[in-house]
Amino acid sequence: MSVEINSYLTFKLGEDVFGVNVARVMEIKEYITPKPLPQSLPFVTGVIEYRDEVIPLIDTSIKFGMTPIQVEPSTCIIVLQLTNDVLGKTYRVAILVDAVSDVFEADQSSVKTIDDDYRPGYILGTYTSDNQFIYILNADMVFNQKEIISMMDIITNIK
């Protein structure tokens, strides 16, 4: 029986630490001021250019029901490539985080699950490393179908 090892990039939102599988990470960028995006979802702070496309910039703290991010020198943007199997779409978003921490490796057996009644669908579980409690994200589940369609429609209309 083989043990699957996954690498995770950790980032901070306030005092909380989250991990996202590095396979989803396209790039880590310094903070840039986004272009405003009128009539958008509450957690979309605007749009940024990434290579040859325009992608939404998400205030991850607002999306997770936390206090909005205050831009500091350590504030970063992480560009993610996500997939929605129901819609059959691969798409990119940029997420705003307070700081990027580091990368760690963990096998699936070391990630502790949280009872479904107590966790949002985008949290796979938790991992503890050096007394640091990390929420492991299922990045593909952070946005629901309605949110994805809304973001794509808005971006299509500004091109």
Protein backbone atom coordinates (compact mmCIF):
# COMPACT_ATOMS: atom_id res chain seq x y z
CA MET A 1 0.00 0.00 0.00
CA SER A 2 1.49 3.33 -1.04
CA VAL A 3 1.15 6.52 0.99
CA GLU A 4 0.33 9.63 -1.03
CA ILE A 5 2.45 12.61 -0.03
CA ASN A 6 1.05 16.06 -0.76
CA SER A 7 2.85 19.39 -0.62
CA TYR A 8 0.99 22.40 0.73
CA LEU A 9 1.70 26.13 0.57
CA THR A 10 0.67 27.77 3.82
CA PHE A 11 -0.65 31.29 4.16
CA LYS A 12 -2.03 33.41 6.96
CA LEU A 13 -5.35 35.15 7.34
CA GLY A 14 -5.15 37.06 10.62
CA GLU A 15 -3.92 34.55 13.18
CA ASP A 16 -5.21 31.51 11.24
CA VAL A 17 -3.02 29.42 8.94
CA PHE A 18 -4.34 27.67 5.84
CA GLY A 19 -2.70 25.20 3.48
CA VAL A 20 -3.44 24.81 -0.23
CA ASN A 21 -2.05 21.99 -2.37
CA VAL A 22 0.88 23.33 -4.39
CA ALA A 23 -0.52 21.64 -7.50
CA ARG A 24 -3.18 24.40 -7.51
CA VAL A 25 -0.68 27.28 -7.11
CA MET A 26 0.32 29.04 -10.33
CA GLU A 27 2.26 31.95 -8.84
CA ILE A 28 2.82 34.05 -5.73
CA LYS A 29 2.86 37.78 -6.42
CA GLU A 30 3.46 40.94 -4.47
CA TYR A 31 0.32 42.92 -3.74
CA ILE A 32 -0.90 45.13 -6.56
CA THR A 33 -3.94 47.36 -6.41
CA PRO A 34 -6.78 45.69 -8.33
CA LYS A 35 -8.96 47.44 -10.90
CA PRO A 36 -12.45 47.96 -9.46
CA LEU A 37 -15.15 45.54 -10.55
CA PRO A 38 -18.61 47.09 -10.13
CA GLN A 39 -21.62 44.93 -9.28
CA SER A 40 -19.50 42.01 -8.18
CA LEU A 41 -19.66 39.52 -5.37
CA PRO A 42 -18.85 40.95 -1.88
CA PHE A 43 -15.54 39.07 -1.62
CA VAL A 44 -14.26 40.13 -5.07
CA THR A 45 -12.09 43.21 -4.50
CA GLY A 46 -11.52 43.76 -8.21
CA VAL A 47 -9.57 42.23 -11.08
CA ILE A 48 -5.89 41.95 -11.95
CA GLU A 49 -4.05 41.03 -15.11
CA TYR A 50 -2.34 37.67 -15.04
CA ARG A 51 -0.37 36.81 -18.14
CA ASP A 52 -2.87 37.19 -21.01
CA GLU A 53 -6.06 37.19 -18.98
CA VAL A 54 -8.01 39.20 -16.44
CA ILE A 55 -8.82 37.30 -13.24
CA PRO A 56 -10.79 38.18 -10.10
CA LEU A 57 -8.93 39.12 -6.92
CA ILE A 58 -10.63 37.54 -3.91
CA ASP A 59 -10.36 38.89 -0.36
CA THR A 60 -9.99 35.44 1.14
CA SER A 61 -10.82 36.69 4.63
CA ILE A 62 -14.21 38.02 3.49
CA LYS A 63 -14.90 34.79 1.59
CA PHE A 64 -14.18 32.80 4.75
CA GLY A 65 -16.39 35.06 6.91
CA MET A 66 -13.50 36.82 8.63
CA THR A 67 -12.39 40.46 8.97
CA PRO A 68 -11.29 41.96 5.61
CA ILE A 69 -7.57 41.99 4.90
CA GLN A 70 -5.72 45.22 5.68
CA VAL A 71 -2.95 45.62 3.11
CA GLU A 72 0.48 45.50 4.77
CA PRO A 73 3.98 44.98 3.35
CA SER A 74 3.59 41.20 3.87
CA THR A 75 0.27 41.02 1.96
CA CYS A 76 0.53 38.70 -1.06
CA ILE A 77 -1.52 37.48 -3.97
CA ILE A 78 -1.62 33.76 -4.75
CA VAL A 79 -2.82 32.83 -8.23
CA LEU A 80 -4.67 29.51 -8.19
CA GLN A 81 -5.88 27.28 -10.99
CA LEU A 82 -9.07 25.56 -9.91
CA THR A 83 -11.48 23.05 -11.41
CA ASN A 84 -15.22 22.71 -11.08
CA ASP A 85 -16.18 19.19 -12.15
CA VAL A 86 -19.91 19.94 -12.32
CA LEU A 87 -19.41 22.84 -14.71
CA GLY A 88 -16.51 21.07 -16.41
CA LYS A 89 -14.43 24.25 -16.17
CA THR A 90 -10.89 25.07 -15.18
CA TYR A 91 -10.46 28.68 -14.13
CA ARG A 92 -7.99 30.97 -12.39
CA VAL A 93 -8.49 33.27 -9.44
CA ALA A 94 -6.12 35.40 -7.40
CA ILE A 95 -6.52 35.26 -3.63
CA LEU A 96 -5.41 37.97 -1.27
CA VAL A 97 -3.69 36.73 1.90
CA ASP A 98 -2.00 38.42 4.85
CA ALA A 99 1.26 36.54 4.31
CA VAL A 100 2.67 33.42 2.69
CA SER A 101 4.38 31.15 5.19
CA ASP A 102 6.11 28.08 3.80
CA VAL A 103 5.64 24.73 2.08
CA PHE A 104 5.30 21.44 3.94
CA GLU A 105 4.67 17.86 2.97
CA ALA A 106 2.10 15.60 4.61
CA ASP A 107 0.64 12.23 3.86
CA GLN A 108 -3.14 11.86 3.85
CA SER A 109 -3.13 9.89 7.12
CA SER A 110 -1.67 12.86 9.02
CA VAL A 111 -4.52 15.19 7.98
CA LYS A 112 -7.27 15.00 10.59
CA THR A 113 -10.81 15.29 9.31
CA ILE A 114 -13.39 17.55 10.89
CA ASP A 115 -16.96 16.30 11.29
CA ASP A 116 -19.10 17.50 8.35
CA ASP A 117 -21.47 19.25 10.75
CA TYR A 118 -18.70 21.60 11.91
CA ARG A 119 -16.79 22.50 8.78
CA PRO A 120 -17.41 24.28 5.51
CA GLY A 121 -17.14 22.03 2.45
CA TYR A 122 -13.86 23.60 1.35
CA ILE A 123 -11.96 22.51 4.49
CA LEU A 124 -10.50 19.02 3.97
CA GLY A 125 -9.20 18.78 7.51
CA THR A 126 -6.46 20.02 9.81
CA TYR A 127 -2.78 19.37 10.19
CA THR A 128 -0.49 20.23 13.10
CA SER A 129 3.16 21.01 12.50
CA ASP A 130 5.53 22.40 15.15
CA ASN A 131 2.51 23.28 17.33
CA GLN A 132 1.00 25.23 14.43
CA PHE A 133 -2.62 24.38 13.60
CA ILE A 134 -3.24 24.47 9.83
CA TYR A 135 -6.56 24.25 8.00
CA ILE A 136 -6.11 22.21 4.81
CA LEU A 137 -8.22 23.54 1.95
CA ASN A 138 -9.91 21.73 -0.88
CA ALA A 139 -9.33 24.70 -3.18
CA ASP A 140 -11.70 23.40 -5.87
CA MET A 141 -14.59 23.60 -3.37
CA VAL A 142 -14.06 27.18 -2.11
CA PHE A 143 -16.44 28.67 -4.68
CA ASN A 144 -19.88 27.32 -5.45
CA GLN A 145 -21.20 27.03 -9.00
CA LYS A 146 -23.20 30.26 -8.78
CA GLU A 147 -20.12 32.21 -7.64
CA ILE A 148 -17.98 30.74 -10.43
CA ILE A 149 -20.56 31.57 -13.10
CA SER A 150 -20.98 35.08 -11.70
CA MET A 151 -17.21 35.74 -11.68
CA MET A 152 -16.81 34.36 -15.23
CA ASP A 153 -19.76 36.40 -16.54
CA ILE A 154 -18.43 39.64 -15.07
CA ILE A 155 -14.94 39.06 -16.44
CA THR A 156 -16.29 38.10 -19.87
CA ASN A 157 -18.20 41.38 -19.97
CA ILE A 158 -15.13 43.52 -19.23
CA LYS A 159 -12.89 41.99 -21.90
